[in-house]
Amino acid sequence: MKCNKCGCIESKVIDSRSNEEGTSIRRRRECLGCGRRFTTYEVIENTPVLVVKNDGTREPFDRNKIARGIIKSCEKRPVTAEEIDRLVSDVEKQIANSLVTEISSKEIGEIVMRLLKELDKVAYVRFASVYRDFRDITTFVEFVSDLERIIKDEKK
């Protein structure tokens, strides 16, 4: 940290405290050049993630948009609001942990499907039917048949 009095870049930390929410750290420093004390704040830098849609347009990542799709697929299913919120948070964490600044809507859909498959098979099929945009009954039946085979394999 550069001292704003003498310009020296050498300082030592005297005291560190995080704020009540845990979102920033307040540091008291002492310049090793002139002895002046000053305060700095350290915060996590959040880089916005852009979603690249199928038509090539970009829009900011929106947690609520994912939540709406998952809620719709879980209608009349024994899935609690807490489970849905946890799933949405897991999707958000996976995207944030990937350290990308852009992600395709297709990749987000695949993440959601993988997590929904573990949570509720019917909600998974509902989400997939909209996300995969099945053009005819044959492709939908193939999809469900593959799911049945996977479920049978898991039971073995």
N, C-alpha and C. Protein backbone atom coordinates (compact mmCIF):
# COMPACT_ATOMS: atom_id res chain seq x y z
N MET A 1 0.84 -1.18 0.00
CA MET A 1 0.00 0.00 0.00
C MET A 1 0.88 1.24 0.00
N LYS A 2 0.57 2.14 -0.86
CA LYS A 2 1.35 3.38 -0.98
C LYS A 2 0.84 4.42 0.01
N CYS A 3 1.75 4.99 0.80
CA CYS A 3 1.40 6.03 1.77
C CYS A 3 1.02 7.30 1.00
N ASN A 4 -0.12 7.89 1.35
CA ASN A 4 -0.54 9.09 0.64
C ASN A 4 0.14 10.37 1.15
N LYS A 5 1.02 10.23 2.18
CA LYS A 5 1.77 11.39 2.67
C LYS A 5 3.16 11.45 2.04
N CYS A 6 3.91 10.34 2.13
CA CYS A 6 5.28 10.36 1.63
C CYS A 6 5.49 9.53 0.36
N GLY A 7 4.51 8.70 -0.03
CA GLY A 7 4.61 7.91 -1.25
C GLY A 7 5.34 6.59 -1.08
N CYS A 8 5.78 6.28 0.11
CA CYS A 8 6.49 5.02 0.37
C CYS A 8 5.52 3.85 0.19
N ILE A 9 6.01 2.77 -0.43
CA ILE A 9 5.14 1.62 -0.66
C ILE A 9 5.28 0.55 0.42
N GLU A 10 6.14 0.78 1.38
CA GLU A 10 6.35 -0.17 2.48
C GLU A 10 5.51 0.24 3.68
N SER A 11 4.68 -0.70 4.16
CA SER A 11 3.88 -0.44 5.36
C SER A 11 3.70 -1.75 6.11
N LYS A 12 3.30 -1.64 7.35
CA LYS A 12 3.01 -2.85 8.12
C LYS A 12 1.60 -2.75 8.67
N VAL A 13 0.96 -3.91 8.79
CA VAL A 13 -0.40 -3.96 9.30
C VAL A 13 -0.34 -3.99 10.81
N ILE A 14 -1.07 -3.05 11.43
CA ILE A 14 -1.12 -2.96 12.89
C ILE A 14 -2.32 -3.71 13.44
N ASP A 15 -3.46 -3.61 12.73
CA ASP A 15 -4.69 -4.23 13.21
C ASP A 15 -5.56 -4.61 12.01
N SER A 16 -6.23 -5.75 12.08
CA SER A 16 -7.17 -6.19 11.03
C SER A 16 -8.48 -6.61 11.67
N ARG A 17 -9.58 -6.15 11.08
CA ARG A 17 -10.91 -6.54 11.55
C ARG A 17 -11.84 -6.69 10.37
N SER A 18 -12.67 -7.74 10.42
CA SER A 18 -13.67 -7.87 9.35
C SER A 18 -14.94 -7.16 9.79
N ASN A 19 -15.73 -6.72 8.81
CA ASN A 19 -16.99 -6.07 9.16
C ASN A 19 -17.99 -7.11 9.63
N GLU A 20 -19.14 -6.67 10.10
CA GLU A 20 -20.13 -7.59 10.66
C GLU A 20 -20.62 -8.63 9.67
N GLU A 21 -20.77 -8.24 8.40
CA GLU A 21 -21.26 -9.17 7.39
C GLU A 21 -20.17 -10.10 6.88
N GLY A 22 -18.91 -9.79 7.17
CA GLY A 22 -17.81 -10.60 6.68
C GLY A 22 -17.48 -10.34 5.22
N THR A 23 -17.91 -9.20 4.69
CA THR A 23 -17.69 -8.90 3.28
C THR A 23 -16.46 -8.05 3.02
N SER A 24 -15.88 -7.47 4.07
CA SER A 24 -14.67 -6.67 3.89
C SER A 24 -13.81 -6.74 5.15
N ILE A 25 -12.54 -6.37 4.98
CA ILE A 25 -11.60 -6.34 6.09
C ILE A 25 -11.03 -4.93 6.19
N ARG A 26 -11.08 -4.38 7.39
CA ARG A 26 -10.51 -3.06 7.66
C ARG A 26 -9.13 -3.28 8.24
N ARG A 27 -8.13 -2.62 7.65
CA ARG A 27 -6.75 -2.77 8.13
C ARG A 27 -6.18 -1.42 8.52
N ARG A 28 -5.61 -1.34 9.72
CA ARG A 28 -4.85 -0.16 10.15
C ARG A 28 -3.40 -0.44 9.79
N ARG A 29 -2.79 0.48 9.08
CA ARG A 29 -1.41 0.31 8.63
C ARG A 29 -0.54 1.46 9.14
N GLU A 30 0.76 1.18 9.18
CA GLU A 30 1.73 2.21 9.53
C GLU A 30 2.80 2.24 8.45
N CYS A 31 3.02 3.43 7.90
CA CYS A 31 4.03 3.61 6.86
C CYS A 31 5.41 3.41 7.48
N LEU A 32 6.24 2.60 6.83
CA LEU A 32 7.59 2.36 7.35
C LEU A 32 8.54 3.50 6.98
N GLY A 33 8.09 4.39 6.08
CA GLY A 33 8.91 5.54 5.70
C GLY A 33 8.76 6.72 6.64
N CYS A 34 7.51 7.13 6.90
CA CYS A 34 7.28 8.34 7.71
C CYS A 34 6.57 8.05 9.03
N GLY A 35 6.08 6.86 9.23
CA GLY A 35 5.42 6.50 10.47
C GLY A 35 3.94 6.87 10.54
N ARG A 36 3.42 7.48 9.48
CA ARG A 36 2.01 7.89 9.46
C ARG A 36 1.13 6.64 9.45
N ARG A 37 0.00 6.73 10.16
CA ARG A 37 -0.95 5.61 10.19
C ARG A 37 -2.14 5.93 9.29
N PHE A 38 -2.61 4.89 8.61
CA PHE A 38 -3.76 5.06 7.73
C PHE A 38 -4.57 3.77 7.68
N THR A 39 -5.79 3.87 7.16
CA THR A 39 -6.71 2.74 7.10
C THR A 39 -6.94 2.33 5.66
N THR A 40 -6.96 1.02 5.41
CA THR A 40 -7.32 0.50 4.10
C THR A 40 -8.44 -0.52 4.28
N TYR A 41 -9.19 -0.74 3.22
CA TYR A 41 -10.27 -1.73 3.22
C TYR A 41 -10.01 -2.72 2.10
N GLU A 42 -10.21 -3.99 2.41
CA GLU A 42 -10.03 -5.05 1.44
C GLU A 42 -11.38 -5.72 1.22
N VAL A 43 -11.81 -5.77 -0.04
CA VAL A 43 -13.10 -6.40 -0.37
C VAL A 43 -12.89 -7.41 -1.50
N ILE A 44 -13.78 -8.36 -1.58
CA ILE A 44 -13.74 -9.34 -2.66
C ILE A 44 -14.22 -8.66 -3.93
N GLU A 45 -13.47 -8.83 -4.99
CA GLU A 45 -13.85 -8.25 -6.26
C GLU A 45 -14.74 -9.25 -7.01
N ASN A 46 -15.95 -8.83 -7.26
CA ASN A 46 -16.89 -9.69 -7.99
C ASN A 46 -16.90 -9.27 -9.45
N THR A 47 -16.45 -10.18 -10.30
CA THR A 47 -16.51 -9.91 -11.73
C THR A 47 -17.83 -10.44 -12.26
N PRO A 48 -18.57 -9.60 -12.96
CA PRO A 48 -19.86 -10.08 -13.46
C PRO A 48 -19.67 -11.14 -14.54
N VAL A 49 -20.53 -12.13 -14.51
CA VAL A 49 -20.51 -13.20 -15.50
C VAL A 49 -21.58 -12.89 -16.53
N LEU A 50 -21.21 -12.97 -17.80
CA LEU A 50 -22.16 -12.75 -18.88
C LEU A 50 -22.60 -14.10 -19.44
N VAL A 51 -23.88 -14.21 -19.74
CA VAL A 51 -24.44 -15.42 -20.32
C VAL A 51 -24.56 -15.20 -21.82
N VAL A 52 -23.95 -16.10 -22.58
CA VAL A 52 -24.02 -16.04 -24.04
C VAL A 52 -25.21 -16.89 -24.47
N LYS A 53 -26.21 -16.23 -25.02
CA LYS A 53 -27.44 -16.91 -25.41
C LYS A 53 -27.24 -17.61 -26.77
N ASN A 54 -28.19 -18.43 -27.16
CA ASN A 54 -28.09 -19.19 -28.41
C ASN A 54 -27.96 -18.31 -29.64
N ASP A 55 -28.56 -17.12 -29.59
CA ASP A 55 -28.48 -16.22 -30.74
C ASP A 55 -27.23 -15.35 -30.74
N GLY A 56 -26.33 -15.57 -29.75
CA GLY A 56 -25.07 -14.84 -29.68
C GLY A 56 -25.11 -13.59 -28.82
N THR A 57 -26.30 -13.18 -28.38
CA THR A 57 -26.39 -12.00 -27.52
C THR A 57 -25.89 -12.35 -26.13
N ARG A 58 -25.52 -11.32 -25.39
CA ARG A 58 -25.01 -11.51 -24.04
C ARG A 58 -25.86 -10.72 -23.06
N GLU A 59 -26.05 -11.31 -21.89
CA GLU A 59 -26.77 -10.62 -20.82
C GLU A 59 -26.15 -11.03 -19.49
N PRO A 60 -26.29 -10.17 -18.47
CA PRO A 60 -25.72 -10.51 -17.16
C PRO A 60 -26.38 -11.77 -16.58
N PHE A 61 -25.57 -12.56 -15.88
CA PHE A 61 -26.09 -13.75 -15.21
C PHE A 61 -27.17 -13.33 -14.22
N ASP A 62 -28.28 -14.04 -14.23
CA ASP A 62 -29.41 -13.71 -13.37
C ASP A 62 -29.86 -14.96 -12.62
N ARG A 63 -29.55 -14.98 -11.34
CA ARG A 63 -29.91 -16.10 -10.48
C ARG A 63 -31.42 -16.35 -10.49
N ASN A 64 -32.19 -15.28 -10.53
CA ASN A 64 -33.65 -15.41 -10.48
C ASN A 64 -34.22 -16.11 -11.72
N LYS A 65 -33.56 -15.92 -12.85
CA LYS A 65 -34.01 -16.57 -14.08
C LYS A 65 -33.87 -18.09 -13.96
N ILE A 66 -32.77 -18.53 -13.39
CA ILE A 66 -32.56 -19.96 -13.17
C ILE A 66 -33.58 -20.48 -12.16
N ALA A 67 -33.79 -19.73 -11.10
CA ALA A 67 -34.74 -20.14 -10.06
C ALA A 67 -36.14 -20.31 -10.64
N ARG A 68 -36.56 -19.38 -11.50
CA ARG A 68 -37.90 -19.49 -12.11
C ARG A 68 -38.04 -20.78 -12.92
N GLY A 69 -37.02 -21.12 -13.70
CA GLY A 69 -37.07 -22.34 -14.50
C GLY A 69 -37.13 -23.59 -13.64
N ILE A 70 -36.37 -23.59 -12.57
CA ILE A 70 -36.35 -24.75 -11.67
C ILE A 70 -37.67 -24.86 -10.91
N ILE A 71 -38.19 -23.73 -10.45
CA ILE A 71 -39.48 -23.74 -9.74
C ILE A 71 -40.57 -24.28 -10.65
N LYS A 72 -40.56 -23.84 -11.90
CA LYS A 72 -41.57 -24.30 -12.86
C LYS A 72 -41.48 -25.82 -13.05
N SER A 73 -40.26 -26.35 -13.16
CA SER A 73 -40.10 -27.78 -13.37
C SER A 73 -40.42 -28.60 -12.12
N CYS A 74 -40.39 -27.96 -10.96
CA CYS A 74 -40.66 -28.66 -9.70
C CYS A 74 -42.10 -28.49 -9.21
N GLU A 75 -42.95 -27.84 -10.03
CA GLU A 75 -44.34 -27.64 -9.63
C GLU A 75 -45.00 -28.97 -9.32
N LYS A 76 -45.74 -29.00 -8.22
CA LYS A 76 -46.50 -30.18 -7.77
C LYS A 76 -45.61 -31.39 -7.53
N ARG A 77 -44.37 -31.13 -7.18
CA ARG A 77 -43.41 -32.19 -6.85
C ARG A 77 -43.03 -32.04 -5.38
N PRO A 78 -42.59 -33.12 -4.73
CA PRO A 78 -42.22 -33.02 -3.31
C PRO A 78 -40.82 -32.41 -3.13
N VAL A 79 -40.63 -31.22 -3.68
CA VAL A 79 -39.34 -30.53 -3.58
C VAL A 79 -39.58 -29.25 -2.79
N THR A 80 -38.83 -29.06 -1.70
CA THR A 80 -39.03 -27.89 -0.85
C THR A 80 -38.37 -26.65 -1.43
N ALA A 81 -38.81 -25.51 -0.94
CA ALA A 81 -38.23 -24.23 -1.36
C ALA A 81 -36.75 -24.18 -0.99
N GLU A 82 -36.40 -24.77 0.14
CA GLU A 82 -35.00 -24.79 0.57
C GLU A 82 -34.14 -25.61 -0.39
N GLU A 83 -34.67 -26.73 -0.87
CA GLU A 83 -33.94 -27.56 -1.82
C GLU A 83 -33.74 -26.83 -3.14
N ILE A 84 -34.76 -26.11 -3.57
CA ILE A 84 -34.65 -25.33 -4.81
C ILE A 84 -33.62 -24.23 -4.64
N ASP A 85 -33.67 -23.52 -3.50
CA ASP A 85 -32.71 -22.45 -3.25
C ASP A 85 -31.29 -22.99 -3.19
N ARG A 86 -31.13 -24.16 -2.57
CA ARG A 86 -29.80 -24.78 -2.49
C ARG A 86 -29.29 -25.15 -3.87
N LEU A 87 -30.18 -25.68 -4.72
CA LEU A 87 -29.81 -26.06 -6.07
C LEU A 87 -29.38 -24.82 -6.87
N VAL A 88 -30.15 -23.74 -6.76
CA VAL A 88 -29.80 -22.50 -7.46
C VAL A 88 -28.45 -21.98 -6.96
N SER A 89 -28.23 -22.03 -5.65
CA SER A 89 -26.94 -21.60 -5.09
C SER A 89 -25.80 -22.47 -5.60
N ASP A 90 -26.04 -23.78 -5.72
CA ASP A 90 -25.02 -24.69 -6.24
C ASP A 90 -24.66 -24.35 -7.68
N VAL A 91 -25.67 -24.03 -8.49
CA VAL A 91 -25.42 -23.63 -9.87
C VAL A 91 -24.58 -22.36 -9.89
N GLU A 92 -24.98 -21.40 -9.08
CA GLU A 92 -24.27 -20.12 -9.01
C GLU A 92 -22.82 -20.31 -8.56
N LYS A 93 -22.61 -21.17 -7.57
CA LYS A 93 -21.25 -21.45 -7.08
C LYS A 93 -20.39 -22.11 -8.15
N GLN A 94 -20.97 -23.08 -8.86
CA GLN A 94 -20.20 -23.77 -9.91
C GLN A 94 -19.77 -22.80 -11.00
N ILE A 95 -20.65 -21.87 -11.34
CA ILE A 95 -20.30 -20.88 -12.35
C ILE A 95 -19.22 -19.94 -11.83
N ALA A 96 -19.37 -19.48 -10.59
CA ALA A 96 -18.39 -18.57 -10.00
C ALA A 96 -17.03 -19.26 -9.84
N ASN A 97 -17.04 -20.52 -9.43
CA ASN A 97 -15.79 -21.26 -9.23
C ASN A 97 -15.08 -21.61 -10.53
N SER A 98 -15.80 -21.55 -11.64
CA SER A 98 -15.17 -21.85 -12.92
C SER A 98 -14.28 -20.70 -13.39
N LEU A 99 -14.41 -19.54 -12.74
CA LEU A 99 -13.59 -18.36 -13.01
C LEU A 99 -13.72 -17.85 -14.45
N VAL A 100 -14.86 -18.12 -15.09
CA VAL A 100 -15.09 -17.62 -16.44
C VAL A 100 -15.83 -16.28 -16.36
N THR A 101 -15.64 -15.46 -17.37
CA THR A 101 -16.38 -14.20 -17.42
C THR A 101 -17.58 -14.31 -18.35
N GLU A 102 -17.59 -15.37 -19.18
CA GLU A 102 -18.71 -15.64 -20.07
C GLU A 102 -19.00 -17.13 -20.03
N ILE A 103 -20.29 -17.46 -20.03
CA ILE A 103 -20.71 -18.86 -20.05
C ILE A 103 -21.94 -18.96 -20.94
N SER A 104 -22.03 -20.04 -21.70
CA SER A 104 -23.17 -20.19 -22.60
C SER A 104 -24.40 -20.65 -21.81
N SER A 105 -25.56 -20.27 -22.31
CA SER A 105 -26.80 -20.70 -21.67
C SER A 105 -26.91 -22.22 -21.72
N LYS A 106 -26.30 -22.82 -22.74
CA LYS A 106 -26.31 -24.27 -22.86
C LYS A 106 -25.54 -24.91 -21.70
N GLU A 107 -24.37 -24.35 -21.36
CA GLU A 107 -23.60 -24.89 -20.24
C GLU A 107 -24.35 -24.76 -18.92
N ILE A 108 -25.04 -23.63 -18.74
CA ILE A 108 -25.83 -23.43 -17.52
C ILE A 108 -26.94 -24.47 -17.46
N GLY A 109 -27.61 -24.70 -18.59
CA GLY A 109 -28.67 -25.69 -18.65
C GLY A 109 -28.17 -27.08 -18.29
N GLU A 110 -26.98 -27.43 -18.75
CA GLU A 110 -26.40 -28.74 -18.44
C GLU A 110 -26.11 -28.88 -16.94
N ILE A 111 -25.62 -27.80 -16.33
CA ILE A 111 -25.36 -27.81 -14.88
C ILE A 111 -26.67 -28.02 -14.13
N VAL A 112 -27.69 -27.26 -14.51
CA VAL A 112 -29.00 -27.37 -13.86
C VAL A 112 -29.54 -28.79 -14.02
N MET A 113 -29.46 -29.33 -15.22
CA MET A 113 -29.99 -30.68 -15.46
C MET A 113 -29.27 -31.73 -14.61
N ARG A 114 -27.95 -31.62 -14.53
CA ARG A 114 -27.19 -32.59 -13.74
C ARG A 114 -27.63 -32.55 -12.27
N LEU A 115 -27.82 -31.35 -11.73
CA LEU A 115 -28.22 -31.22 -10.33
C LEU A 115 -29.69 -31.61 -10.11
N LEU A 116 -30.55 -31.26 -11.07
CA LEU A 116 -31.97 -31.63 -10.96
C LEU A 116 -32.16 -33.14 -11.03
N LYS A 117 -31.34 -33.79 -11.82
CA LYS A 117 -31.43 -35.24 -11.97
C LYS A 117 -31.24 -35.93 -10.62
N GLU A 118 -30.35 -35.37 -9.79
CA GLU A 118 -30.10 -35.94 -8.47
C GLU A 118 -31.24 -35.61 -7.50
N LEU A 119 -31.88 -34.46 -7.71
CA LEU A 119 -32.91 -34.00 -6.78
C LEU A 119 -34.26 -34.66 -7.04
N ASP A 120 -34.73 -34.63 -8.29
CA ASP A 120 -36.06 -35.15 -8.62
C ASP A 120 -36.11 -35.52 -10.10
N LYS A 121 -36.32 -36.78 -10.39
CA LYS A 121 -36.29 -37.27 -11.78
C LYS A 121 -37.39 -36.65 -12.64
N VAL A 122 -38.59 -36.45 -12.08
CA VAL A 122 -39.68 -35.88 -12.86
C VAL A 122 -39.39 -34.42 -13.19
N ALA A 123 -38.88 -33.67 -12.22
CA ALA A 123 -38.51 -32.27 -12.47
C ALA A 123 -37.39 -32.21 -13.51
N TYR A 124 -36.50 -33.18 -13.46
CA TYR A 124 -35.41 -33.26 -14.44
C TYR A 124 -35.97 -33.43 -15.85
N VAL A 125 -36.94 -34.34 -16.02
CA VAL A 125 -37.54 -34.57 -17.33
C VAL A 125 -38.30 -33.34 -17.80
N ARG A 126 -39.01 -32.69 -16.89
CA ARG A 126 -39.73 -31.46 -17.25
C ARG A 126 -38.78 -30.38 -17.72
N PHE A 127 -37.71 -30.18 -16.96
CA PHE A 127 -36.73 -29.15 -17.33
C PHE A 127 -36.10 -29.49 -18.68
N ALA A 128 -35.74 -30.76 -18.84
CA ALA A 128 -35.10 -31.21 -20.09
C ALA A 128 -36.02 -31.02 -21.28
N SER A 129 -37.31 -31.25 -21.09
CA SER A 129 -38.24 -31.14 -22.21
C SER A 129 -38.31 -29.71 -22.74
N VAL A 130 -38.14 -28.73 -21.86
CA VAL A 130 -38.12 -27.34 -22.31
C VAL A 130 -36.71 -26.96 -22.78
N TYR A 131 -35.72 -27.32 -22.00
CA TYR A 131 -34.34 -26.95 -22.29
C TYR A 131 -33.83 -27.59 -23.58
N ARG A 132 -34.10 -28.87 -23.77
CA ARG A 132 -33.62 -29.58 -24.96
C ARG A 132 -34.50 -29.33 -26.18
N ASP A 133 -35.66 -28.74 -25.96
CA ASP A 133 -36.56 -28.35 -27.04
C ASP A 133 -36.82 -29.52 -27.99
N PHE A 134 -37.38 -30.61 -27.44
CA PHE A 134 -37.67 -31.79 -28.24
C PHE A 134 -38.63 -31.43 -29.37
N ARG A 135 -38.26 -31.79 -30.57
CA ARG A 135 -39.06 -31.45 -31.76
C ARG A 135 -40.19 -32.45 -32.03
N ASP A 136 -39.98 -33.69 -31.56
CA ASP A 136 -41.01 -34.70 -31.80
C ASP A 136 -41.02 -35.70 -30.66
N ILE A 137 -42.01 -36.53 -30.65
CA ILE A 137 -42.20 -37.50 -29.57
C ILE A 137 -41.08 -38.54 -29.55
N THR A 138 -40.52 -38.87 -30.70
CA THR A 138 -39.48 -39.90 -30.78
C THR A 138 -38.24 -39.50 -29.97
N THR A 139 -37.79 -38.28 -30.14
CA THR A 139 -36.60 -37.84 -29.38
C THR A 139 -36.89 -37.78 -27.89
N PHE A 140 -38.13 -37.40 -27.54
CA PHE A 140 -38.50 -37.36 -26.13
C PHE A 140 -38.53 -38.77 -25.53
N VAL A 141 -39.10 -39.72 -26.27
CA VAL A 141 -39.15 -41.11 -25.80
C VAL A 141 -37.74 -41.67 -25.65
N GLU A 142 -36.85 -41.36 -26.58
CA GLU A 142 -35.45 -41.82 -26.48
C GLU A 142 -34.80 -41.26 -25.23
N PHE A 143 -35.07 -39.99 -24.95
CA PHE A 143 -34.51 -39.34 -23.76
C PHE A 143 -34.99 -40.05 -22.50
N VAL A 144 -36.29 -40.30 -22.40
CA VAL A 144 -36.85 -40.96 -21.22
C VAL A 144 -36.33 -42.40 -21.11
N SER A 145 -36.18 -43.08 -22.23
CA SER A 145 -35.63 -44.46 -22.22
C SER A 145 -34.21 -44.47 -21.68
N ASP A 146 -33.40 -43.50 -22.11
CA ASP A 146 -32.03 -43.39 -21.60
C ASP A 146 -32.04 -43.16 -20.09
N LEU A 147 -32.96 -42.33 -19.63
CA LEU A 147 -33.07 -42.06 -18.20
C LEU A 147 -33.46 -43.32 -17.44
N GLU A 148 -34.41 -44.08 -17.97
CA GLU A 148 -34.82 -45.34 -17.33
C GLU A 148 -33.64 -46.30 -17.21
N ARG A 149 -32.84 -46.40 -18.29
CA ARG A 149 -31.67 -47.27 -18.27
C ARG A 149 -30.67 -46.82 -17.21
N ILE A 150 -30.45 -45.53 -17.10
CA ILE A 150 -29.52 -45.00 -16.11
C ILE A 150 -30.02 -45.31 -14.70
N ILE A 151 -31.31 -45.14 -14.47
CA ILE A 151 -31.88 -45.42 -13.14
C ILE A 151 -31.73 -46.90 -12.79
N LYS A 152 -31.98 -47.78 -13.76
CA LYS A 152 -31.82 -49.22 -13.52
C LYS A 152 -30.37 -49.55 -13.18
N ASP A 153 -29.42 -48.93 -13.90
CA ASP A 153 -28.00 -49.15 -13.65
C ASP A 153 -27.60 -48.69 -12.24
N GLU A 154 -28.20 -47.56 -11.80
CA GLU A 154 -27.88 -47.04 -10.47
C GLU A 154 -28.38 -47.96 -9.37
N LYS A 155 -29.48 -48.65 -9.62
CA LYS A 155 -30.07 -49.54 -8.61
C LYS A 155 -29.27 -50.83 -8.45
N LYS A 156 -28.46 -51.18 -9.45
CA LYS A 156 -27.68 -52.43 -9.39
C LYS A 156 -26.54 -52.34 -8.45
